[in-house]
C-alpha atoms as a PDB file:
ATOM      1  CA  MET A   1     114.408  90.069 109.339  1.00  0.00           C
ATOM      2  CA  SER A   2     115.846  93.178 110.729  1.00  0.00           C
ATOM      3  CA  SER A   3     115.195  94.525 114.042  1.00  0.00           C
ATOM      4  CA  GLU A   4     115.876  97.923 112.905  1.00  0.00           C
ATOM      5  CA  PRO A   5     112.738 100.098 112.467  1.00  0.00           C
ATOM      6  CA  GLN A   6     112.264 101.101 108.878  1.00  0.00           C
ATOM      7  CA  ALA A   7     111.452 104.691 107.734  1.00  0.00           C
ATOM      8  CA  THR A   8     107.786 103.633 107.358  1.00  0.00           C
ATOM      9  CA  GLY A   9     107.819 101.919 110.719  1.00  0.00           C
ATOM     10  CA  ASP A  10     104.717 100.540 112.341  1.00  0.00           C
ATOM     11  CA  ALA A  11     103.608  99.587 115.871  1.00  0.00           C
ATOM     12  CA  VAL A  12     105.368  96.184 115.657  1.00  0.00           C
ATOM     13  CA  ASP A  13     108.670  97.927 114.808  1.00  0.00           C
ATOM     14  CA  ALA A  14     108.200 100.088 118.139  1.00  0.00           C
ATOM     15  CA  ILE A  15     107.582  96.888 120.079  1.00  0.00           C
ATOM     16  CA  ILE A  16     110.601  95.186 118.535  1.00  0.00           C
ATOM     17  CA  GLU A  17     112.830  98.228 119.219  1.00  0.00           C
ATOM     18  CA  GLN A  18     111.648  98.183 122.868  1.00  0.00           C
ATOM     19  CA  TRP A  19     112.568  94.543 123.207  1.00  0.00           C
ATOM     20  CA  ALA A  20     115.845  95.167 121.620  1.00  0.00           C
ATOM     21  CA  ALA A  21     116.626  97.743 124.243  1.00  0.00           C
ATOM     22  CA  VAL A  22     115.696  95.692 127.269  1.00  0.00           C
ATOM     23  CA  ARG A  23     116.420  92.122 125.831  1.00  0.00           C
ATOM     24  CA  PRO A  24     119.098  92.498 122.908  1.00  0.00           C
ATOM     25  CA  ASP A  25     119.667  88.944 123.299  1.00  0.00           C
ATOM     26  CA  LEU A  26     116.174  88.002 122.013  1.00  0.00           C
ATOM     27  CA  ASP A  27     115.697  87.029 118.340  1.00  0.00           C
ATOM     28  CA  THR A  28     112.343  88.744 117.441  1.00  0.00           C
ATOM     29  CA  ALA A  29     112.073  87.790 113.931  1.00  0.00           C
ATOM     30  CA  ALA A  30     109.074  85.574 114.516  1.00  0.00           C
ATOM     31  CA  MET A  31     107.417  88.485 116.599  1.00  0.00           C
ATOM     32  CA  GLU A  32     107.792  90.620 113.644  1.00  0.00           C
ATOM     33  CA  VAL A  33     105.854  88.217 111.426  1.00  0.00           C
ATOM     34  CA  PHE A  34     103.146  87.262 113.816  1.00  0.00           C
ATOM     35  CA  GLY A  35     102.684  90.695 115.520  1.00  0.00           C
ATOM     36  CA  ARG A  36     101.802  91.981 112.166  1.00  0.00           C
ATOM     37  CA  VAL A  37      99.730  88.891 111.246  1.00  0.00           C
ATOM     38  CA  PHE A  38      97.537  89.441 114.580  1.00  0.00           C
ATOM     39  CA  ARG A  39      97.153  93.212 114.138  1.00  0.00           C
ATOM     40  CA  LEU A  40      96.214  92.720 110.494  1.00  0.00           C
ATOM     41  CA  ALA A  41      93.561  90.044 111.381  1.00  0.00           C
ATOM     42  CA  ARG A  42      92.269  92.264 113.988  1.00  0.00           C
ATOM     43  CA  ALA A  43      92.208  95.421 111.847  1.00  0.00           C
ATOM     44  CA  MET A  44      90.472  93.545 108.794  1.00  0.00           C
ATOM     45  CA  GLY A  45      88.109  91.631 111.232  1.00  0.00           C
ATOM     46  CA  ASP A  46      86.873  95.209 112.474  1.00  0.00           C
ATOM     47  CA  ARG A  47      86.568  96.449 108.787  1.00  0.00           C
ATOM     48  CA  ILE A  48      84.623  93.282 107.569  1.00  0.00           C
ATOM     49  CA  GLU A  49      82.414  93.524 110.684  1.00  0.00           C
ATOM     50  CA  LYS A  50      81.537  97.113 109.635  1.00  0.00           C
ATOM     51  CA  ALA A  51      80.726  95.716 106.126  1.00  0.00           C
ATOM     52  CA  TYR A  52      78.304  93.227 107.465  1.00  0.00           C
ATOM     53  CA  ALA A  53      76.693  95.604 109.863  1.00  0.00           C
ATOM     54  CA  PRO A  54      74.473  97.425 107.384  1.00  0.00           C
ATOM     55  CA  LEU A  55      72.987  93.892 106.587  1.00  0.00           C
ATOM     56  CA  GLY A  56      72.231  93.112 110.196  1.00  0.00           C
ATOM     57  CA  LEU A  57      74.867  90.411 110.414  1.00  0.00           C
ATOM     58  CA  ALA A  58      77.762  89.785 112.708  1.00  0.00           C
ATOM     59  CA  ARG A  59      80.914  87.955 111.591  1.00  0.00           C
ATOM     60  CA  GLY A  60      80.014  84.776 113.408  1.00  0.00           C
ATOM     61  CA  GLU A  61      76.528  84.610 111.829  1.00  0.00           C
ATOM     62  CA  PHE A  62      78.017  85.295 108.397  1.00  0.00           C
ATOM     63  CA  ASP A  63      80.473  82.313 108.889  1.00  0.00           C
ATOM     64  CA  VAL A  64      77.396  80.016 109.231  1.00  0.00           C
ATOM     65  CA  LEU A  65      75.669  81.324 106.470  1.00  0.00           C
ATOM     66  CA  ALA A  66      78.651  81.148 104.313  1.00  0.00           C
ATOM     67  CA  THR A  67      79.572  77.816 105.383  1.00  0.00           C
ATOM     68  CA  LEU A  68      76.191  76.710 104.126  1.00  0.00           C
ATOM     69  CA  ARG A  69      76.391  78.670 100.890  1.00  0.00           C
ATOM     70  CA  ARG A  70      79.934  77.036 100.291  1.00  0.00           C
ATOM     71  CA  SER A  71      78.582  73.466 100.608  1.00  0.00           C
ATOM     72  CA  GLY A  72      76.483  73.900  97.274  1.00  0.00           C
ATOM     73  CA  GLU A  73      73.109  73.108  96.654  1.00  0.00           C
ATOM     74  CA  PRO A  74      70.889  72.385  98.511  1.00  0.00           C
ATOM     75  CA  TYR A  75      72.761  74.387 101.013  1.00  0.00           C
ATOM     76  CA  ALA A  76      72.372  71.999 103.814  1.00  0.00           C
ATOM     77  CA  LEU A  77      74.796  70.519 106.448  1.00  0.00           C
ATOM     78  CA  SER A  78      74.308  68.927 109.765  1.00  0.00           C
ATOM     79  CA  PRO A  79      74.888  70.894 112.930  1.00  0.00           C
ATOM     80  CA  ARG A  80      77.978  68.695 113.553  1.00  0.00           C
ATOM     81  CA  GLU A  81      79.291  69.541 110.001  1.00  0.00           C
ATOM     82  CA  LEU A  82      78.831  73.084 110.873  1.00  0.00           C
ATOM     83  CA  SER A  83      80.591  72.843 114.186  1.00  0.00           C
ATOM     84  CA  ALA A  84      83.467  70.943 112.731  1.00  0.00           C
ATOM     85  CA  THR A  85      84.046  73.428 109.976  1.00  0.00           C
ATOM     86  CA  LEU A  86      83.695  76.348 112.242  1.00  0.00           C
ATOM     87  CA  MET A  87      85.631  75.003 115.193  1.00  0.00           C
ATOM     88  CA  LEU A  88      82.746  75.878 117.441  1.00  0.00           C
ATOM     89  CA  THR A  89      81.331  73.779 120.315  1.00  0.00           C
ATOM     90  CA  THR A  90      77.879  72.331 119.744  1.00  0.00           C
ATOM     91  CA  GLY A  91      76.488  74.843 122.405  1.00  0.00           C
ATOM     92  CA  GLY A  92      78.123  77.795 120.616  1.00  0.00           C
ATOM     93  CA  MET A  93      76.626  76.541 117.263  1.00  0.00           C
ATOM     94  CA  THR A  94      73.114  75.992 118.715  1.00  0.00           C
ATOM     95  CA  GLY A  95      72.920  79.710 119.890  1.00  0.00           C
ATOM     96  CA  ARG A  96      73.989  80.916 116.359  1.00  0.00           C
ATOM     97  CA  LEU A  97      71.507  78.567 114.718  1.00  0.00           C
ATOM     98  CA  ASP A  98      68.800  79.683 116.870  1.00  0.00           C
ATOM     99  CA  LYS A  99      69.364  83.326 116.253  1.00  0.00           C
ATOM    100  CA  LEU A 100      69.588  82.797 112.455  1.00  0.00           C
ATOM    101  CA  GLU A 101      66.444  80.634 112.402  1.00  0.00           C
ATOM    102  CA  ARG A 102      64.637  83.234 114.196  1.00  0.00           C
ATOM    103  CA  ALA A 103      65.553  85.735 111.639  1.00  0.00           C
ATOM    104  CA  GLY A 104      64.460  83.453 108.842  1.00  0.00           C
ATOM    105  CA  LEU A 105      67.864  82.918 107.381  1.00  0.00           C
ATOM    106  CA  LEU A 106      67.932  79.125 107.854  1.00  0.00           C
ATOM    107  CA  SER A 107      65.833  76.359 108.827  1.00  0.00           C
ATOM    108  CA  ARG A 108      66.398  73.069 110.825  1.00  0.00           C
ATOM    109  CA  SER A 109      64.632  69.859 109.731  1.00  0.00           C
ATOM    110  CA  PRO A 110      65.018  66.137 110.387  1.00  0.00           C
ATOM    111  CA  ASP A 111      67.727  64.411 108.400  1.00  0.00           C
ATOM    112  CA  PRO A 112      66.075  62.055 105.949  1.00  0.00           C
ATOM    113  CA  HIS A 113      69.100  59.829 106.173  1.00  0.00           C
ATOM    114  CA  ASP A 114      69.225  59.910 109.879  1.00  0.00           C
ATOM    115  CA  ARG A 115      66.417  59.706 112.273  1.00  0.00           C
ATOM    116  CA  ARG A 116      68.412  61.003 115.071  1.00  0.00           C
ATOM    117  CA  GLY A 117      69.995  63.784 112.934  1.00  0.00           C
ATOM    118  CA  LEU A 118      69.048  67.434 111.747  1.00  0.00           C
ATOM    119  CA  ARG A 119      69.764  69.230 108.541  1.00  0.00           C
ATOM    120  CA  VAL A 120      70.396  73.023 108.670  1.00  0.00           C
ATOM    121  CA  THR A 121      69.510  74.627 105.316  1.00  0.00           C
ATOM    122  CA  LEU A 122      69.755  78.216 103.902  1.00  0.00           C
ATOM    123  CA  THR A 123      66.492  79.945 103.290  1.00  0.00           C
ATOM    124  CA  GLU A 124      66.068  81.966 100.147  1.00  0.00           C
ATOM    125  CA  ARG A 125      66.346  85.052 102.494  1.00  0.00           C
ATOM    126  CA  GLY A 126      69.485  83.566 103.852  1.00  0.00           C
ATOM    127  CA  LEU A 127      71.094  82.773 100.436  1.00  0.00           C
ATOM    128  CA  ASP A 128      70.185  86.375  99.362  1.00  0.00           C
ATOM    129  CA  LEU A 129      71.799  87.861 102.442  1.00  0.00           C
ATOM    130  CA  VAL A 130      74.977  85.823 102.300  1.00  0.00           C
ATOM    131  CA  GLU A 131      75.294  86.629  98.639  1.00  0.00           C
ATOM    132  CA  ARG A 132      75.149  90.178  99.465  1.00  0.00           C
ATOM    133  CA  ALA A 133      77.452  89.928 102.523  1.00  0.00           C
ATOM    134  CA  VAL A 134      80.267  88.057 100.647  1.00  0.00           C
ATOM    135  CA  GLY A 135      80.410  90.572  98.127  1.00  0.00           C
ATOM    136  CA  ALA A 136      80.671  93.401 100.801  1.00  0.00           C
ATOM    137  CA  GLY A 137      83.333  91.607 102.779  1.00  0.00           C
ATOM    138  CA  LEU A 138      85.450  90.768  99.744  1.00  0.00           C
ATOM    139  CA  ALA A 139      85.234  94.404  98.577  1.00  0.00           C
ATOM    140  CA  VAL A 140      86.717  95.567 101.840  1.00  0.00           C
ATOM    141  CA  GLN A 141      89.369  92.802 101.636  1.00  0.00           C
ATOM    142  CA  THR A 142      90.185  93.745  98.002  1.00  0.00           C
ATOM    143  CA  GLU A 143      90.501  97.452  98.565  1.00  0.00           C
ATOM    144  CA  ALA A 144      92.864  96.852 101.592  1.00  0.00           C
ATOM    145  CA  LEU A 145      95.058  94.336  99.608  1.00  0.00           C
ATOM    146  CA  SER A 146      95.254  96.301  96.479  1.00  0.00           C
ATOM    147  CA  SER A 147      95.962  99.618  98.356  1.00  0.00           C
ATOM    148  CA  ALA A 148      99.249  97.995  99.588  1.00  0.00           C
ATOM    149  CA  LEU A 149     100.351  95.136  97.123  1.00  0.00           C
ATOM    150  CA  ASP A 150     100.317  94.616  93.499  1.00  0.00           C
ATOM    151  CA  ALA A 151      98.958  91.280  92.231  1.00  0.00           C
ATOM    152  CA  GLU A 152     102.287  89.482  92.134  1.00  0.00           C
ATOM    153  CA  GLN A 153     103.023  90.699  95.682  1.00  0.00           C
ATOM    154  CA  ALA A 154      99.565  89.478  96.872  1.00  0.00           C
ATOM    155  CA  GLY A 155     100.073  86.161  95.053  1.00  0.00           C
ATOM    156  CA  GLN A 156     103.591  85.761  96.865  1.00  0.00           C
ATOM    157  CA  LEU A 157     102.165  86.766 100.429  1.00  0.00           C
ATOM    158  CA  ALA A 158      99.439  84.215  99.966  1.00  0.00           C
ATOM    159  CA  ASP A 159     101.773  81.522  99.051  1.00  0.00           C
ATOM    160  CA  LEU A 160     104.203  82.358 101.966  1.00  0.00           C
ATOM    161  CA  LEU A 161     101.144  82.451 104.296  1.00  0.00           C
ATOM    162  CA  ARG A 162      99.836  79.206 103.201  1.00  0.00           C
ATOM    163  CA  GLU A 163     103.118  77.507 103.883  1.00  0.00           C
ATOM    164  CA  LEU A 164     103.332  79.093 107.375  1.00  0.00           C
ATOM    165  CA  LEU A 165      99.860  78.094 108.002  1.00  0.00           C
ATOM    166  CA  SER A 166     100.367  74.573 106.897  1.00  0.00           C
ATOM    167  CA  ALA A 167     103.490  74.183 109.096  1.00  0.00           C
ATOM    168  CA  THR A 168     101.621  75.626 112.165  1.00  0.00           C
ATOM    169  CA  GLU A 169      98.719  73.341 111.838  1.00  0.00           C
ATOM    170  CA  ARG A 170     100.598  70.260 111.551  1.00  0.00           C
END
């Protein structure tokens, strides 16, 4: 990747240019990629958060409801399974579950297969809300993606990011 700013430069180009001025010995190619990935994640996270706000949901709450929804019927998982999927501590998960249960979006009940365990299940209200929220979030993501890339470019980017993510998670 070039460290020369392009005509349509962005904030990362400016950062790269500054590093080139003070440390011309640095290879900033990785910074060009990850700087943009970080900024993109933050910008899209903010947009998605705004899409969920009218529904009364924060991103973390959506994540719990969406994980239950993706699990398929009966939309139930143990708190441990939820924590592992969302990479949350049990304490962090408990706080989210408490809030969502108070809102009537999920329920906790004894696990019929484990006397010591619990099952967290989406309520009808939770299922309806997550269906609306996933649509709202995807609309924001689709609009952002299609405003910048065609379908082939988006597919290529998804493939490249999959490879990069796989390599960094090893």
